Amino acid sequence: MSAGTMLAGRLNIETKEFTLSEVPIPEPGPGFVRVKVGAAGVCLSDVHLIQGLLRPQFLQGSEVTLGHEAAGTVDLPGPE
């Protein structure tokens, strides 16, 4: 993995292909924090995405990161 990237479990909404992909590490905006994820679980929303029963409304592109049920520690506070 290169500096400035992290691994993410990604689902292609069109092909239903799941991959582990290197994605840029995000910077937190004002009033937000970045969390270093220690564990993430699959929930029913993820299952519905995989089954094609749910589609993100504002998805840019065809890939979505799964595992929004996350636990971790604050890695970096954003401004303010």
PDB file of N, CA and C in Angstrom:
ATOM      1  N   MET A   1       0.861  -1.174   0.000  1.00  0.00           N
ATOM      2  CA  MET A   1       0.000   0.000   0.000  1.00  0.00           C
ATOM      3  C   MET A   1       0.904   1.233   0.000  1.00  0.00           C
ATOM      4  N   SER A   2       0.558   2.210  -0.802  1.00  0.00           N
ATOM      5  CA  SER A   2       1.371   3.417  -0.880  1.00  0.00           C
ATOM      6  C   SER A   2       0.967   4.420   0.199  1.00  0.00           C
ATOM      7  N   ALA A   3       1.860   5.347   0.480  1.00  0.00           N
ATOM      8  CA  ALA A   3       1.572   6.379   1.480  1.00  0.00           C
ATOM      9  C   ALA A   3       0.383   7.211   1.018  1.00  0.00           C
ATOM     10  N   GLY A   4      -0.475   7.561   1.955  1.00  0.00           N
ATOM     11  CA  GLY A   4      -1.634   8.374   1.608  1.00  0.00           C
ATOM     12  C   GLY A   4      -2.832   7.580   1.123  1.00  0.00           C
ATOM     13  N   THR A   5      -2.737   6.237   1.195  1.00  0.00           N
ATOM     14  CA  THR A   5      -3.874   5.411   0.792  1.00  0.00           C
ATOM     15  C   THR A   5      -4.217   4.421   1.904  1.00  0.00           C
ATOM     16  N   MET A   6      -5.416   3.879   1.806  1.00  0.00           N
ATOM     17  CA  MET A   6      -5.886   2.859   2.749  1.00  0.00           C
ATOM     18  C   MET A   6      -6.654   1.813   1.964  1.00  0.00           C
ATOM     19  N   LEU A   7      -6.870   0.636   2.580  1.00  0.00           N
ATOM     20  CA  LEU A   7      -7.662  -0.402   1.938  1.00  0.00           C
ATOM     21  C   LEU A   7      -9.135  -0.223   2.279  1.00  0.00           C
ATOM     22  N   ALA A   8      -9.990  -0.445   1.299  1.00  0.00           N
ATOM     23  CA  ALA A   8     -11.438  -0.355   1.495  1.00  0.00           C
ATOM     24  C   ALA A   8     -12.109  -1.509   0.765  1.00  0.00           C
ATOM     25  N   GLY A   9     -13.123  -2.102   1.396  1.00  0.00           N
ATOM     26  CA  GLY A   9     -13.941  -3.122   0.747  1.00  0.00           C
ATOM     27  C   GLY A   9     -14.956  -2.428  -0.137  1.00  0.00           C
ATOM     28  N   ARG A  10     -14.827  -2.578  -1.448  1.00  0.00           N
ATOM     29  CA  ARG A  10     -15.645  -1.830  -2.400  1.00  0.00           C
ATOM     30  C   ARG A  10     -16.540  -2.770  -3.201  1.00  0.00           C
ATOM     31  N   LEU A  11     -17.767  -2.341  -3.418  1.00  0.00           N
ATOM     32  CA  LEU A  11     -18.719  -3.085  -4.235  1.00  0.00           C
ATOM     33  C   LEU A  11     -19.045  -2.267  -5.473  1.00  0.00           C
ATOM     34  N   ASN A  12     -18.902  -2.894  -6.653  1.00  0.00           N
ATOM     35  CA  ASN A  12     -19.340  -2.263  -7.888  1.00  0.00           C
ATOM     36  C   ASN A  12     -20.839  -2.520  -8.010  1.00  0.00           C
ATOM     37  N   ILE A  13     -21.635  -1.475  -7.978  1.00  0.00           N
ATOM     38  CA  ILE A  13     -23.094  -1.574  -7.991  1.00  0.00           C
ATOM     39  C   ILE A  13     -23.598  -2.204  -9.285  1.00  0.00           C
ATOM     40  N   GLU A  14     -22.909  -1.962 -10.392  1.00  0.00           N
ATOM     41  CA  GLU A  14     -23.357  -2.474 -11.690  1.00  0.00           C
ATOM     42  C   GLU A  14     -23.045  -3.962 -11.856  1.00  0.00           C
ATOM     43  N   THR A  15     -21.807  -4.378 -11.515  1.00  0.00           N
ATOM     44  CA  THR A  15     -21.372  -5.754 -11.764  1.00  0.00           C
ATOM     45  C   THR A  15     -21.506  -6.660 -10.534  1.00  0.00           C
ATOM     46  N   LYS A  16     -21.740  -6.071  -9.354  1.00  0.00           N
ATOM     47  CA  LYS A  16     -21.807  -6.789  -8.066  1.00  0.00           C
ATOM     48  C   LYS A  16     -20.461  -7.397  -7.668  1.00  0.00           C
ATOM     49  N   GLU A  17     -19.360  -6.928  -8.272  1.00  0.00           N
ATOM     50  CA  GLU A  17     -18.026  -7.424  -7.953  1.00  0.00           C
ATOM     51  C   GLU A  17     -17.520  -6.738  -6.688  1.00  0.00           C
ATOM     52  N   PHE A  18     -17.021  -7.518  -5.723  1.00  0.00           N
ATOM     53  CA  PHE A  18     -16.435  -7.007  -4.490  1.00  0.00           C
ATOM     54  C   PHE A  18     -14.923  -7.078  -4.604  1.00  0.00           C
ATOM     55  N   THR A  19     -14.243  -5.986  -4.250  1.00  0.00           N
ATOM     56  CA  THR A  19     -12.785  -5.949  -4.282  1.00  0.00           C
ATOM     57  C   THR A  19     -12.258  -5.214  -3.061  1.00  0.00           C
ATOM     58  N   LEU A  20     -11.015  -5.515  -2.693  1.00  0.00           N
ATOM     59  CA  LEU A  20     -10.275  -4.699  -1.739  1.00  0.00           C
ATOM     60  C   LEU A  20      -9.453  -3.745  -2.579  1.00  0.00           C
ATOM     61  N   SER A  21      -9.692  -2.446  -2.403  1.00  0.00           N
ATOM     62  CA  SER A  21      -9.050  -1.441  -3.243  1.00  0.00           C
ATOM     63  C   SER A  21      -8.311  -0.420  -2.398  1.00  0.00           C
ATOM     64  N   GLU A  22      -7.213   0.099  -2.944  1.00  0.00           N
ATOM     65  CA  GLU A  22      -6.532   1.218  -2.308  1.00  0.00           C
ATOM     66  C   GLU A  22      -7.278   2.491  -2.686  1.00  0.00           C
ATOM     67  N   VAL A  23      -7.649   3.259  -1.674  1.00  0.00           N
ATOM     68  CA  VAL A  23      -8.341   4.530  -1.900  1.00  0.00           C
ATOM     69  C   VAL A  23      -7.604   5.616  -1.125  1.00  0.00           C
ATOM     70  N   PRO A  24      -7.722   6.874  -1.537  1.00  0.00           N
ATOM     71  CA  PRO A  24      -7.058   7.952  -0.807  1.00  0.00           C
ATOM     72  C   PRO A  24      -7.580   8.073   0.627  1.00  0.00           C
ATOM     73  N   ILE A  25      -6.693   8.367   1.564  1.00  0.00           N
ATOM     74  CA  ILE A  25      -7.101   8.621   2.942  1.00  0.00           C
ATOM     75  C   ILE A  25      -7.741  10.010   2.974  1.00  0.00           C
ATOM     76  N   PRO A  26      -8.989  10.104   3.436  1.00  0.00           N
ATOM     77  CA  PRO A  26      -9.669  11.405   3.417  1.00  0.00           C
ATOM     78  C   PRO A  26      -9.145  12.359   4.491  1.00  0.00           C
ATOM     79  N   GLU A  27      -9.271  13.635   4.230  1.00  0.00           N
ATOM     80  CA  GLU A  27      -8.946  14.675   5.205  1.00  0.00           C
ATOM     81  C   GLU A  27     -10.249  15.157   5.828  1.00  0.00           C
ATOM     82  N   PRO A  28     -10.304  15.274   7.147  1.00  0.00           N
ATOM     83  CA  PRO A  28     -11.548  15.731   7.776  1.00  0.00           C
ATOM     84  C   PRO A  28     -11.794  17.214   7.517  1.00  0.00           C
ATOM     85  N   GLY A  29     -13.054  17.548   7.269  1.00  0.00           N
ATOM     86  CA  GLY A  29     -13.434  18.940   7.058  1.00  0.00           C
ATOM     87  C   GLY A  29     -13.713  19.639   8.380  1.00  0.00           C
ATOM     88  N   PRO A  30     -14.102  20.900   8.322  1.00  0.00           N
ATOM     89  CA  PRO A  30     -14.405  21.661   9.530  1.00  0.00           C
ATOM     90  C   PRO A  30     -15.502  21.003  10.363  1.00  0.00           C
ATOM     91  N   GLY A  31     -15.237  20.830  11.654  1.00  0.00           N
ATOM     92  CA  GLY A  31     -16.217  20.243  12.553  1.00  0.00           C
ATOM     93  C   GLY A  31     -16.283  18.722  12.501  1.00  0.00           C
ATOM     94  N   PHE A  32     -15.385  18.077  11.747  1.00  0.00           N
ATOM     95  CA  PHE A  32     -15.375  16.620  11.621  1.00  0.00           C
ATOM     96  C   PHE A  32     -14.063  16.056  12.165  1.00  0.00           C
ATOM     97  N   VAL A  33     -14.017  14.749  12.366  1.00  0.00           N
ATOM     98  CA  VAL A  33     -12.786  14.050  12.720  1.00  0.00           C
ATOM     99  C   VAL A  33     -12.613  12.873  11.773  1.00  0.00           C
ATOM    100  N   ARG A  34     -11.371  12.445  11.594  1.00  0.00           N
ATOM    101  CA  ARG A  34     -11.100  11.220  10.846  1.00  0.00           C
ATOM    102  C   ARG A  34     -10.935  10.109  11.872  1.00  0.00           C
ATOM    103  N   VAL A  35     -11.581   8.968  11.636  1.00  0.00           N
ATOM    104  CA  VAL A  35     -11.525   7.829  12.545  1.00  0.00           C
ATOM    105  C   VAL A  35     -10.706   6.719  11.900  1.00  0.00           C
ATOM    106  N   LYS A  36      -9.723   6.208  12.648  1.00  0.00           N
ATOM    107  CA  LYS A  36      -8.975   5.033  12.187  1.00  0.00           C
ATOM    108  C   LYS A  36      -9.801   3.823  12.593  1.00  0.00           C
ATOM    109  N   VAL A  37     -10.351   3.131  11.612  1.00  0.00           N
ATOM    110  CA  VAL A  37     -11.273   2.032  11.867  1.00  0.00           C
ATOM    111  C   VAL A  37     -10.503   0.824  12.383  1.00  0.00           C
ATOM    112  N   GLY A  38     -10.978   0.284  13.520  1.00  0.00           N
ATOM    113  CA  GLY A  38     -10.409  -0.932  14.075  1.00  0.00           C
ATOM    114  C   GLY A  38     -11.202  -2.150  13.670  1.00  0.00           C
ATOM    115  N   ALA A  39     -12.496  -1.960  13.443  1.00  0.00           N
ATOM    116  CA  ALA A  39     -13.378  -3.053  13.025  1.00  0.00           C
ATOM    117  C   ALA A  39     -14.593  -2.459  12.328  1.00  0.00           C
ATOM    118  N   ALA A  40     -15.097  -3.174  11.335  1.00  0.00           N
ATOM    119  CA  ALA A  40     -16.314  -2.752  10.641  1.00  0.00           C
ATOM    120  C   ALA A  40     -17.161  -3.984  10.380  1.00  0.00           C
ATOM    121  N   GLY A  41     -18.453  -3.841  10.605  1.00  0.00           N
ATOM    122  CA  GLY A  41     -19.354  -4.963  10.410  1.00  0.00           C
ATOM    123  C   GLY A  41     -20.226  -4.783   9.178  1.00  0.00           C
ATOM    124  N   VAL A  42     -20.689  -5.894   8.655  1.00  0.00           N
ATOM    125  CA  VAL A  42     -21.637  -5.879   7.549  1.00  0.00           C
ATOM    126  C   VAL A  42     -23.035  -5.811   8.151  1.00  0.00           C
ATOM    127  N   CYS A  43     -23.854  -4.907   7.653  1.00  0.00           N
ATOM    128  CA  CYS A  43     -25.213  -4.782   8.167  1.00  0.00           C
ATOM    129  C   CYS A  43     -26.207  -5.045   7.038  1.00  0.00           C
ATOM    130  N   LEU A  44     -27.472  -4.934   7.339  1.00  0.00           N
ATOM    131  CA  LEU A  44     -28.511  -5.238   6.359  1.00  0.00           C
ATOM    132  C   LEU A  44     -28.458  -4.295   5.156  1.00  0.00           C
ATOM    133  N   SER A  45     -28.054  -3.047   5.362  1.00  0.00           N
ATOM    134  CA  SER A  45     -27.903  -2.126   4.227  1.00  0.00           C
ATOM    135  C   SER A  45     -26.875  -2.653   3.234  1.00  0.00           C
ATOM    136  N   ASP A  46     -25.760  -3.181   3.751  1.00  0.00           N
ATOM    137  CA  ASP A  46     -24.732  -3.753   2.876  1.00  0.00           C
ATOM    138  C   ASP A  46     -25.284  -4.954   2.112  1.00  0.00           C
ATOM    139  N   VAL A  47     -26.026  -5.809   2.788  1.00  0.00           N
ATOM    140  CA  VAL A  47     -26.631  -6.979   2.141  1.00  0.00           C
ATOM    141  C   VAL A  47     -27.582  -6.528   1.035  1.00  0.00           C
ATOM    142  N   HIS A  48     -28.383  -5.506   1.311  1.00  0.00           N
ATOM    143  CA  HIS A  48     -29.313  -4.995   0.292  1.00  0.00           C
ATOM    144  C   HIS A  48     -28.569  -4.403  -0.900  1.00  0.00           C
ATOM    145  N   LEU A  49     -27.422  -3.761  -0.672  1.00  0.00           N
ATOM    146  CA  LEU A  49     -26.604  -3.261  -1.778  1.00  0.00           C
ATOM    147  C   LEU A  49     -26.092  -4.427  -2.624  1.00  0.00           C
ATOM    148  N   ILE A  50     -25.607  -5.475  -1.953  1.00  0.00           N
ATOM    149  CA  ILE A  50     -25.075  -6.646  -2.651  1.00  0.00           C
ATOM    150  C   ILE A  50     -26.172  -7.328  -3.462  1.00  0.00           C
ATOM    151  N   GLN A  51     -27.375  -7.420  -2.905  1.00  0.00           N
ATOM    152  CA  GLN A  51     -28.492  -8.069  -3.584  1.00  0.00           C
ATOM    153  C   GLN A  51     -29.098  -7.199  -4.685  1.00  0.00           C
ATOM    154  N   GLY A  52     -28.759  -5.918  -4.714  1.00  0.00           N
ATOM    155  CA  GLY A  52     -29.327  -5.014  -5.707  1.00  0.00           C
ATOM    156  C   GLY A  52     -30.670  -4.432  -5.307  1.00  0.00           C
ATOM    157  N   LEU A  53     -31.073  -4.618  -4.040  1.00  0.00           N
ATOM    158  CA  LEU A  53     -32.349  -4.085  -3.560  1.00  0.00           C
ATOM    159  C   LEU A  53     -32.244  -2.623  -3.134  1.00  0.00           C
ATOM    160  N   LEU A  54     -31.030  -2.136  -2.974  1.00  0.00           N
ATOM    161  CA  LEU A  54     -30.777  -0.759  -2.537  1.00  0.00           C
ATOM    162  C   LEU A  54     -29.725  -0.164  -3.442  1.00  0.00           C
ATOM    163  N   ARG A  55     -29.905   1.086  -3.794  1.00  0.00           N
ATOM    164  CA  ARG A  55     -28.925   1.783  -4.628  1.00  0.00           C
ATOM    165  C   ARG A  55     -28.697   3.174  -4.034  1.00  0.00           C
ATOM    166  N   PRO A  56     -27.436   3.555  -3.798  1.00  0.00           N
ATOM    167  CA  PRO A  56     -27.158   4.880  -3.244  1.00  0.00           C
ATOM    168  C   PRO A  56     -27.664   5.982  -4.164  1.00  0.00           C
ATOM    169  N   GLN A  57     -28.325   7.002  -3.590  1.00  0.00           N
ATOM    170  CA  GLN A  57     -28.902   8.082  -4.390  1.00  0.00           C
ATOM    171  C   GLN A  57     -27.859   9.012  -4.993  1.00  0.00           C
ATOM    172  N   PHE A  58     -26.805   9.307  -4.248  1.00  0.00           N
ATOM    173  CA  PHE A  58     -25.851  10.331  -4.683  1.00  0.00           C
ATOM    174  C   PHE A  58     -24.472   9.751  -4.968  1.00  0.00           C
ATOM    175  N   LEU A  59     -24.408   8.506  -5.421  1.00  0.00           N
ATOM    176  CA  LEU A  59     -23.145   7.831  -5.694  1.00  0.00           C
ATOM    177  C   LEU A  59     -22.496   8.426  -6.934  1.00  0.00           C
ATOM    178  N   GLN A  60     -21.231   8.813  -6.791  1.00  0.00           N
ATOM    179  CA  GLN A  60     -20.459   9.298  -7.935  1.00  0.00           C
ATOM    180  C   GLN A  60     -19.632   8.129  -8.448  1.00  0.00           C
ATOM    181  N   GLY A  61     -19.939   7.637  -9.611  1.00  0.00           N
ATOM    182  CA  GLY A  61     -19.284   6.453 -10.147  1.00  0.00           C
ATOM    183  C   GLY A  61     -20.140   5.232  -9.865  1.00  0.00           C
ATOM    184  N   SER A  62     -19.527   4.054  -9.925  1.00  0.00           N
ATOM    185  CA  SER A  62     -20.297   2.827  -9.744  1.00  0.00           C
ATOM    186  C   SER A  62     -19.851   2.011  -8.539  1.00  0.00           C
ATOM    187  N   GLU A  63     -18.904   2.537  -7.721  1.00  0.00           N
ATOM    188  CA  GLU A  63     -18.413   1.792  -6.569  1.00  0.00           C
ATOM    189  C   GLU A  63     -18.795   2.466  -5.262  1.00  0.00           C
ATOM    190  N   VAL A  64     -19.071   1.628  -4.257  1.00  0.00           N
ATOM    191  CA  VAL A  64     -19.411   2.107  -2.926  1.00  0.00           C
ATOM    192  C   VAL A  64     -18.578   1.310  -1.919  1.00  0.00           C
ATOM    193  N   THR A  65     -18.148   1.971  -0.843  1.00  0.00           N
ATOM    194  CA  THR A  65     -17.424   1.295   0.230  1.00  0.00           C
ATOM    195  C   THR A  65     -18.431   0.707   1.201  1.00  0.00           C
ATOM    196  N   LEU A  66     -18.290  -0.586   1.492  1.00  0.00           N
ATOM    197  CA  LEU A  66     -19.178  -1.263   2.432  1.00  0.00           C
ATOM    198  C   LEU A  66     -18.631  -1.146   3.853  1.00  0.00           C
ATOM    199  N   GLY A  67     -19.476  -1.460   4.833  1.00  0.00           N
ATOM    200  CA  GLY A  67     -19.022  -1.532   6.218  1.00  0.00           C
ATOM    201  C   GLY A  67     -19.147  -0.237   6.982  1.00  0.00           C
ATOM    202  N   HIS A  68     -20.313   0.408   6.949  1.00  0.00           N
ATOM    203  CA  HIS A  68     -20.463   1.681   7.663  1.00  0.00           C
ATOM    204  C   HIS A  68     -20.739   1.499   9.155  1.00  0.00           C
ATOM    205  N   GLU A  69     -20.868   0.260   9.626  1.00  0.00           N
ATOM    206  CA  GLU A  69     -21.005  -0.021  11.057  1.00  0.00           C
ATOM    207  C   GLU A  69     -19.591  -0.183  11.609  1.00  0.00           C
ATOM    208  N   ALA A  70     -18.949   0.934  11.929  1.00  0.00           N
ATOM    209  CA  ALA A  70     -17.522   0.918  12.253  1.00  0.00           C
ATOM    210  C   ALA A  70     -17.250   1.344  13.693  1.00  0.00           C
ATOM    211  N   ALA A  71     -16.121   0.862  14.211  1.00  0.00           N
ATOM    212  CA  ALA A  71     -15.611   1.273  15.521  1.00  0.00           C
ATOM    213  C   ALA A  71     -14.124   1.555  15.382  1.00  0.00           C
ATOM    214  N   GLY A  72     -13.665   2.587  16.061  1.00  0.00           N
ATOM    215  CA  GLY A  72     -12.239   2.922  15.963  1.00  0.00           C
ATOM    216  C   GLY A  72     -11.875   4.030  16.908  1.00  0.00           C
ATOM    217  N   THR A  73     -10.777   4.692  16.607  1.00  0.00           N
ATOM    218  CA  THR A  73     -10.276   5.788  17.428  1.00  0.00           C
ATOM    219  C   THR A  73     -10.088   7.029  16.559  1.00  0.00           C
ATOM    220  N   VAL A  74     -10.203   8.193  17.176  1.00  0.00           N
ATOM    221  CA  VAL A  74      -9.986   9.440  16.445  1.00  0.00           C
ATOM    222  C   VAL A  74      -8.523   9.499  16.008  1.00  0.00           C
ATOM    223  N   ASP A  75      -8.339   9.678  14.718  1.00  0.00           N
ATOM    224  CA  ASP A  75      -7.005   9.708  14.119  1.00  0.00           C
ATOM    225  C   ASP A  75      -6.524  11.136  13.875  1.00  0.00           C
ATOM    226  N   LEU A  76      -7.478  11.986  13.447  1.00  0.00           N
ATOM    227  CA  LEU A  76      -7.108  13.365  13.116  1.00  0.00           C
ATOM    228  C   LEU A  76      -8.327  14.263  13.220  1.00  0.00           C
ATOM    229  N   PRO A  77      -8.265  15.312  14.052  1.00  0.00           N
ATOM    230  CA  PRO A  77      -9.384  16.264  14.086  1.00  0.00           C
ATOM    231  C   PRO A  77      -9.293  17.235  12.906  1.00  0.00           C
ATOM    232  N   GLY A  78     -10.431  17.620  12.385  1.00  0.00           N
ATOM    233  CA  GLY A  78     -10.456  18.630  11.343  1.00  0.00           C
ATOM    234  C   GLY A  78     -10.399  20.019  11.959  1.00  0.00           C
ATOM    235  N   PRO A  79     -10.328  21.046  11.129  1.00  0.00           N
ATOM    236  CA  PRO A  79     -10.335  22.407  11.659  1.00  0.00           C
ATOM    237  C   PRO A  79     -11.637  22.697  12.408  1.00  0.00           C
ATOM    238  N   GLU A  80     -11.549  23.538  13.406  1.00  0.00           N
ATOM    239  CA  GLU A  80     -12.686  23.939  14.234  1.00  0.00           C
ATOM    240  C   GLU A  80     -13.176  22.802  15.091  1.00  0.00           C
TER     241      GLU A  80
END
